[in-house]
Amino acid sequence: MSASLDIEGPAAPPRSNGELVFSEPWESRAFGMAVTLYDAGVFTWPEFQAALIARAAAWEASAERDEPYDYYGLWLAALEDVLMSVRAVSTDELITRARSLAQRPPGHDHGGQSDQHAHTH
């Protein structure tokens, strides 16, 4: 199995010269998580695409649009939606984990023993 990323419209990932573009490390991790979970058979690609399109449409329909368009933010929200819809994760688990990650200091988003190396170059 392999996800079809040759898509157009609101579900198409950002590209530059045909290559995927990630502005932050978390974006590539969110992207990789979705593709890996799809490849593992947790959900179908049409399920994920529908969730992503719904998130993009909701952002477009937002009267206020306080937040700038954030493709990978919508991607991650769509991944959360589809994982909850297929019951791979509960809403409570998702909220607990999100709160835990939000409380971490900047630069410590990768967890585990890697944290001790976060500030060394």
N, C-alpha and C. Protein backbone atom coordinates (compact mmCIF):
# COMPACT_ATOMS: atom_id res chain seq x y z
N MET A 1 0.83 -1.18 0.00
CA MET A 1 0.00 0.00 0.00
C MET A 1 0.87 1.24 0.00
N SER A 2 0.41 2.24 -0.65
CA SER A 2 1.10 3.51 -0.62
C SER A 2 0.09 4.63 -0.85
N ALA A 3 0.21 5.68 -0.06
CA ALA A 3 -0.73 6.79 -0.15
C ALA A 3 -0.54 7.52 -1.48
N SER A 4 -1.64 7.91 -2.08
CA SER A 4 -1.59 8.66 -3.33
C SER A 4 -1.48 10.14 -3.01
N LEU A 5 -0.31 10.71 -3.24
CA LEU A 5 -0.11 12.12 -2.95
C LEU A 5 -0.13 12.97 -4.21
N ASP A 6 -0.49 12.36 -5.34
CA ASP A 6 -0.61 13.09 -6.59
C ASP A 6 -2.02 13.66 -6.69
N ILE A 7 -2.36 14.49 -5.71
CA ILE A 7 -3.70 15.02 -5.64
C ILE A 7 -3.68 16.52 -5.82
N GLU A 8 -4.79 17.04 -6.26
CA GLU A 8 -4.95 18.48 -6.46
C GLU A 8 -5.96 19.00 -5.46
N GLY A 9 -6.12 20.29 -5.41
CA GLY A 9 -7.15 20.90 -4.58
C GLY A 9 -6.74 21.03 -3.11
N PRO A 10 -7.73 21.16 -2.22
CA PRO A 10 -7.45 21.47 -0.83
C PRO A 10 -6.69 20.39 -0.07
N ALA A 11 -6.67 19.17 -0.58
CA ALA A 11 -5.97 18.10 0.13
C ALA A 11 -4.54 17.91 -0.36
N ALA A 12 -4.13 18.66 -1.37
CA ALA A 12 -2.78 18.51 -1.93
C ALA A 12 -1.73 19.11 -1.00
N PRO A 13 -0.69 18.35 -0.69
CA PRO A 13 0.36 18.89 0.17
C PRO A 13 1.19 19.96 -0.53
N PRO A 14 1.77 20.89 0.26
CA PRO A 14 2.62 21.93 -0.34
C PRO A 14 3.84 21.31 -1.02
N ARG A 15 4.17 21.84 -2.18
CA ARG A 15 5.33 21.34 -2.94
C ARG A 15 6.12 22.52 -3.51
N SER A 16 7.39 22.24 -3.74
CA SER A 16 8.26 23.17 -4.43
C SER A 16 9.08 22.33 -5.41
N ASN A 17 9.00 22.65 -6.68
CA ASN A 17 9.68 21.86 -7.72
C ASN A 17 9.33 20.38 -7.61
N GLY A 18 8.09 20.08 -7.26
CA GLY A 18 7.63 18.70 -7.19
C GLY A 18 7.94 17.99 -5.88
N GLU A 19 8.74 18.61 -5.01
CA GLU A 19 9.11 18.00 -3.73
C GLU A 19 8.22 18.53 -2.61
N LEU A 20 7.89 17.66 -1.66
CA LEU A 20 7.13 18.09 -0.50
C LEU A 20 7.90 19.13 0.29
N VAL A 21 7.20 20.11 0.84
CA VAL A 21 7.82 21.19 1.59
C VAL A 21 7.33 21.14 3.04
N PHE A 22 8.27 21.14 3.98
CA PHE A 22 7.96 21.18 5.40
C PHE A 22 8.70 22.36 6.01
N SER A 23 7.98 23.22 6.73
CA SER A 23 8.60 24.39 7.35
C SER A 23 9.17 24.08 8.72
N GLU A 24 8.59 23.10 9.40
CA GLU A 24 8.98 22.75 10.76
C GLU A 24 9.12 21.23 10.86
N PRO A 25 9.96 20.74 11.77
CA PRO A 25 10.12 19.29 11.92
C PRO A 25 8.81 18.56 12.25
N TRP A 26 7.93 19.19 13.03
CA TRP A 26 6.69 18.51 13.40
C TRP A 26 5.82 18.25 12.17
N GLU A 27 5.93 19.09 11.15
CA GLU A 27 5.12 18.90 9.95
C GLU A 27 5.49 17.60 9.25
N SER A 28 6.78 17.33 9.12
CA SER A 28 7.19 16.09 8.46
C SER A 28 6.82 14.89 9.33
N ARG A 29 6.87 15.04 10.65
CA ARG A 29 6.47 13.94 11.52
C ARG A 29 4.97 13.66 11.41
N ALA A 30 4.16 14.72 11.37
CA ALA A 30 2.71 14.54 11.21
C ALA A 30 2.40 13.87 9.88
N PHE A 31 3.09 14.31 8.84
CA PHE A 31 2.92 13.72 7.52
C PHE A 31 3.28 12.24 7.55
N GLY A 32 4.45 11.93 8.11
CA GLY A 32 4.91 10.55 8.19
C GLY A 32 4.00 9.67 9.02
N MET A 33 3.45 10.21 10.10
CA MET A 33 2.53 9.44 10.93
C MET A 33 1.31 9.02 10.13
N ALA A 34 0.74 9.98 9.39
CA ALA A 34 -0.46 9.67 8.62
C ALA A 34 -0.18 8.60 7.57
N VAL A 35 0.92 8.75 6.84
CA VAL A 35 1.25 7.78 5.80
C VAL A 35 1.54 6.41 6.42
N THR A 36 2.27 6.38 7.53
CA THR A 36 2.60 5.12 8.19
C THR A 36 1.34 4.42 8.71
N LEU A 37 0.45 5.18 9.33
CA LEU A 37 -0.80 4.58 9.84
C LEU A 37 -1.68 4.08 8.69
N TYR A 38 -1.69 4.83 7.59
CA TYR A 38 -2.42 4.37 6.41
C TYR A 38 -1.81 3.06 5.90
N ASP A 39 -0.47 3.04 5.75
CA ASP A 39 0.21 1.84 5.27
C ASP A 39 -0.04 0.64 6.18
N ALA A 40 -0.24 0.90 7.48
CA ALA A 40 -0.51 -0.18 8.44
C ALA A 40 -1.97 -0.63 8.40
N GLY A 41 -2.79 0.04 7.60
CA GLY A 41 -4.19 -0.36 7.46
C GLY A 41 -5.12 0.18 8.54
N VAL A 42 -4.67 1.21 9.27
CA VAL A 42 -5.51 1.77 10.34
C VAL A 42 -6.72 2.49 9.76
N PHE A 43 -6.55 3.12 8.60
CA PHE A 43 -7.65 3.80 7.91
C PHE A 43 -7.37 3.77 6.42
N THR A 44 -8.37 4.11 5.62
CA THR A 44 -8.18 4.16 4.17
C THR A 44 -7.76 5.57 3.77
N TRP A 45 -7.09 5.68 2.64
CA TRP A 45 -6.68 7.00 2.19
C TRP A 45 -7.89 7.88 1.87
N PRO A 46 -8.96 7.36 1.26
CA PRO A 46 -10.15 8.20 1.05
C PRO A 46 -10.74 8.73 2.36
N GLU A 47 -10.67 7.94 3.44
CA GLU A 47 -11.15 8.43 4.74
C GLU A 47 -10.32 9.63 5.19
N PHE A 48 -9.00 9.51 5.04
CA PHE A 48 -8.13 10.60 5.45
C PHE A 48 -8.34 11.83 4.56
N GLN A 49 -8.42 11.62 3.25
CA GLN A 49 -8.62 12.74 2.33
C GLN A 49 -9.92 13.47 2.66
N ALA A 50 -10.98 12.72 2.94
CA ALA A 50 -12.27 13.34 3.28
C ALA A 50 -12.15 14.18 4.55
N ALA A 51 -11.43 13.67 5.55
CA ALA A 51 -11.24 14.42 6.79
C ALA A 51 -10.42 15.68 6.53
N LEU A 52 -9.39 15.59 5.69
CA LEU A 52 -8.55 16.74 5.38
C LEU A 52 -9.34 17.79 4.59
N ILE A 53 -10.11 17.34 3.62
CA ILE A 53 -10.93 18.27 2.83
C ILE A 53 -11.96 18.95 3.72
N ALA A 54 -12.55 18.20 4.66
CA ALA A 54 -13.52 18.78 5.58
C ALA A 54 -12.87 19.84 6.46
N ARG A 55 -11.66 19.57 6.94
CA ARG A 55 -10.95 20.56 7.76
C ARG A 55 -10.62 21.82 6.95
N ALA A 56 -10.18 21.64 5.70
CA ALA A 56 -9.87 22.78 4.84
C ALA A 56 -11.13 23.59 4.55
N ALA A 57 -12.24 22.90 4.28
CA ALA A 57 -13.51 23.58 4.00
C ALA A 57 -13.99 24.36 5.22
N ALA A 58 -13.83 23.77 6.41
CA ALA A 58 -14.23 24.45 7.64
C ALA A 58 -13.40 25.72 7.85
N TRP A 59 -12.09 25.63 7.54
CA TRP A 59 -11.24 26.81 7.67
C TRP A 59 -11.69 27.88 6.67
N GLU A 60 -11.96 27.47 5.43
CA GLU A 60 -12.39 28.42 4.41
C GLU A 60 -13.73 29.07 4.76
N ALA A 61 -14.62 28.30 5.39
CA ALA A 61 -15.94 28.81 5.74
C ALA A 61 -15.93 29.68 7.00
N SER A 62 -14.83 29.63 7.74
CA SER A 62 -14.73 30.39 8.97
C SER A 62 -14.85 31.88 8.66
N ALA A 63 -15.82 32.52 9.31
CA ALA A 63 -16.06 33.94 9.06
C ALA A 63 -14.91 34.80 9.55
N GLU A 64 -14.23 34.35 10.59
CA GLU A 64 -13.20 35.18 11.19
C GLU A 64 -11.80 34.88 10.66
N ARG A 65 -11.51 33.63 10.42
CA ARG A 65 -10.18 33.21 9.92
C ARG A 65 -9.06 33.91 10.69
N ASP A 66 -9.16 33.84 12.00
CA ASP A 66 -8.13 34.46 12.85
C ASP A 66 -6.76 33.85 12.60
N GLU A 67 -6.75 32.59 12.26
CA GLU A 67 -5.50 31.87 12.03
C GLU A 67 -5.18 31.85 10.54
N PRO A 68 -3.91 32.04 10.17
CA PRO A 68 -3.54 31.90 8.76
C PRO A 68 -3.70 30.45 8.32
N TYR A 69 -3.81 30.24 7.03
CA TYR A 69 -3.93 28.89 6.50
C TYR A 69 -2.69 28.10 6.86
N ASP A 70 -2.89 26.98 7.52
CA ASP A 70 -1.79 26.13 7.99
C ASP A 70 -2.08 24.71 7.53
N TYR A 71 -1.54 24.35 6.36
CA TYR A 71 -1.83 23.05 5.76
C TYR A 71 -1.56 21.91 6.73
N TYR A 72 -0.38 21.89 7.34
CA TYR A 72 -0.04 20.76 8.21
C TYR A 72 -0.79 20.81 9.53
N GLY A 73 -1.23 21.97 9.96
CA GLY A 73 -2.12 22.05 11.12
C GLY A 73 -3.45 21.37 10.79
N LEU A 74 -3.95 21.63 9.58
CA LEU A 74 -5.18 20.97 9.14
C LEU A 74 -4.94 19.48 8.93
N TRP A 75 -3.76 19.12 8.42
CA TRP A 75 -3.39 17.71 8.21
C TRP A 75 -3.44 16.97 9.55
N LEU A 76 -2.82 17.56 10.57
CA LEU A 76 -2.79 16.93 11.88
C LEU A 76 -4.19 16.82 12.48
N ALA A 77 -4.99 17.87 12.33
CA ALA A 77 -6.37 17.83 12.83
C ALA A 77 -7.17 16.75 12.10
N ALA A 78 -6.96 16.61 10.79
CA ALA A 78 -7.65 15.57 10.01
C ALA A 78 -7.20 14.19 10.47
N LEU A 79 -5.91 14.04 10.76
CA LEU A 79 -5.42 12.76 11.27
C LEU A 79 -6.09 12.42 12.60
N GLU A 80 -6.21 13.41 13.48
CA GLU A 80 -6.90 13.20 14.75
C GLU A 80 -8.35 12.78 14.49
N ASP A 81 -9.02 13.48 13.58
CA ASP A 81 -10.42 13.18 13.26
C ASP A 81 -10.58 11.74 12.78
N VAL A 82 -9.74 11.33 11.84
CA VAL A 82 -9.89 10.00 11.27
C VAL A 82 -9.52 8.92 12.29
N LEU A 83 -8.52 9.17 13.13
CA LEU A 83 -8.17 8.19 14.16
C LEU A 83 -9.30 8.02 15.17
N MET A 84 -9.98 9.12 15.49
CA MET A 84 -11.13 9.01 16.40
C MET A 84 -12.30 8.32 15.70
N SER A 85 -12.49 8.60 14.41
CA SER A 85 -13.63 8.00 13.70
C SER A 85 -13.48 6.49 13.54
N VAL A 86 -12.25 6.01 13.41
CA VAL A 86 -12.04 4.56 13.29
C VAL A 86 -11.76 3.94 14.66
N ARG A 87 -11.88 4.75 15.69
CA ARG A 87 -11.70 4.33 17.08
C ARG A 87 -10.31 3.77 17.37
N ALA A 88 -9.31 4.31 16.68
CA ALA A 88 -7.93 3.92 16.94
C ALA A 88 -7.41 4.64 18.19
N VAL A 89 -8.06 5.75 18.52
CA VAL A 89 -7.71 6.53 19.71
C VAL A 89 -8.98 7.20 20.21
N SER A 90 -9.08 7.34 21.53
CA SER A 90 -10.28 7.98 22.08
C SER A 90 -10.04 9.49 22.18
N THR A 91 -11.12 10.23 22.26
CA THR A 91 -11.04 11.68 22.42
C THR A 91 -10.28 12.02 23.69
N ASP A 92 -10.56 11.31 24.79
CA ASP A 92 -9.88 11.57 26.06
C ASP A 92 -8.37 11.35 25.94
N GLU A 93 -7.97 10.26 25.26
CA GLU A 93 -6.54 9.98 25.08
C GLU A 93 -5.87 11.10 24.28
N LEU A 94 -6.56 11.55 23.24
CA LEU A 94 -6.02 12.60 22.39
C LEU A 94 -5.87 13.90 23.16
N ILE A 95 -6.88 14.27 23.93
CA ILE A 95 -6.83 15.51 24.71
C ILE A 95 -5.72 15.44 25.76
N THR A 96 -5.61 14.31 26.45
CA THR A 96 -4.58 14.15 27.47
C THR A 96 -3.19 14.28 26.87
N ARG A 97 -2.95 13.62 25.75
CA ARG A 97 -1.63 13.66 25.11
C ARG A 97 -1.32 15.05 24.57
N ALA A 98 -2.32 15.70 23.98
CA ALA A 98 -2.11 17.05 23.44
C ALA A 98 -1.77 18.03 24.56
N ARG A 99 -2.47 17.92 25.68
CA ARG A 99 -2.16 18.80 26.82
C ARG A 99 -0.76 18.55 27.35
N SER A 100 -0.38 17.30 27.43
CA SER A 100 0.95 16.94 27.90
C SER A 100 2.02 17.54 27.00
N LEU A 101 1.84 17.41 25.69
CA LEU A 101 2.81 17.96 24.75
C LEU A 101 2.82 19.49 24.77
N ALA A 102 1.66 20.10 24.95
CA ALA A 102 1.58 21.57 24.97
C ALA A 102 2.29 22.16 26.18
N GLN A 103 2.43 21.41 27.24
CA GLN A 103 3.08 21.91 28.45
C GLN A 103 4.60 21.77 28.40
N ARG A 104 5.11 21.12 27.40
CA ARG A 104 6.57 20.94 27.29
C ARG A 104 7.21 22.25 26.86
N PRO A 105 8.42 22.52 27.33
CA PRO A 105 9.12 23.73 26.90
C PRO A 105 9.45 23.68 25.40
N PRO A 106 9.56 24.84 24.77
CA PRO A 106 9.94 24.87 23.34
C PRO A 106 11.26 24.13 23.11
N GLY A 107 11.32 23.41 21.99
CA GLY A 107 12.53 22.67 21.65
C GLY A 107 12.57 21.28 22.23
N HIS A 108 11.54 20.91 22.96
CA HIS A 108 11.49 19.59 23.59
C HIS A 108 10.30 18.79 23.08
N ASP A 109 10.05 18.85 21.79
CA ASP A 109 8.87 18.19 21.24
C ASP A 109 9.13 16.78 20.75
N HIS A 110 10.33 16.25 20.94
CA HIS A 110 10.60 14.93 20.42
C HIS A 110 10.61 13.85 21.49
N GLY A 111 10.56 14.19 22.76
CA GLY A 111 10.38 13.22 23.84
C GLY A 111 11.54 12.26 24.03
N GLY A 112 11.43 11.47 25.08
CA GLY A 112 12.39 10.41 25.35
C GLY A 112 13.77 10.93 25.68
N GLN A 113 14.76 10.07 25.51
CA GLN A 113 16.12 10.40 25.85
C GLN A 113 16.72 11.45 24.92
N SER A 114 16.10 11.67 23.78
CA SER A 114 16.62 12.66 22.84
C SER A 114 16.60 14.06 23.43
N ASP A 115 15.74 14.30 24.45
CA ASP A 115 15.65 15.62 25.05
C ASP A 115 16.99 16.11 25.55
N GLN A 116 17.80 15.22 26.07
CA GLN A 116 19.09 15.66 26.61
C GLN A 116 20.02 16.17 25.53
N HIS A 117 19.74 15.86 24.28
CA HIS A 117 20.58 16.30 23.15
C HIS A 117 19.96 17.44 22.37
N ALA A 118 18.83 17.96 22.84
CA ALA A 118 18.09 18.96 22.06
C ALA A 118 18.86 20.25 21.87
N HIS A 119 19.72 20.59 22.80
CA HIS A 119 20.40 21.88 22.70
C HIS A 119 21.87 21.76 22.32
N THR A 120 22.29 20.58 21.90
CA THR A 120 23.68 20.42 21.49
C THR A 120 23.77 20.43 19.98
N HIS A 121 24.76 21.08 19.46
CA HIS A 121 24.97 21.10 18.00
C HIS A 121 26.40 20.85 17.69
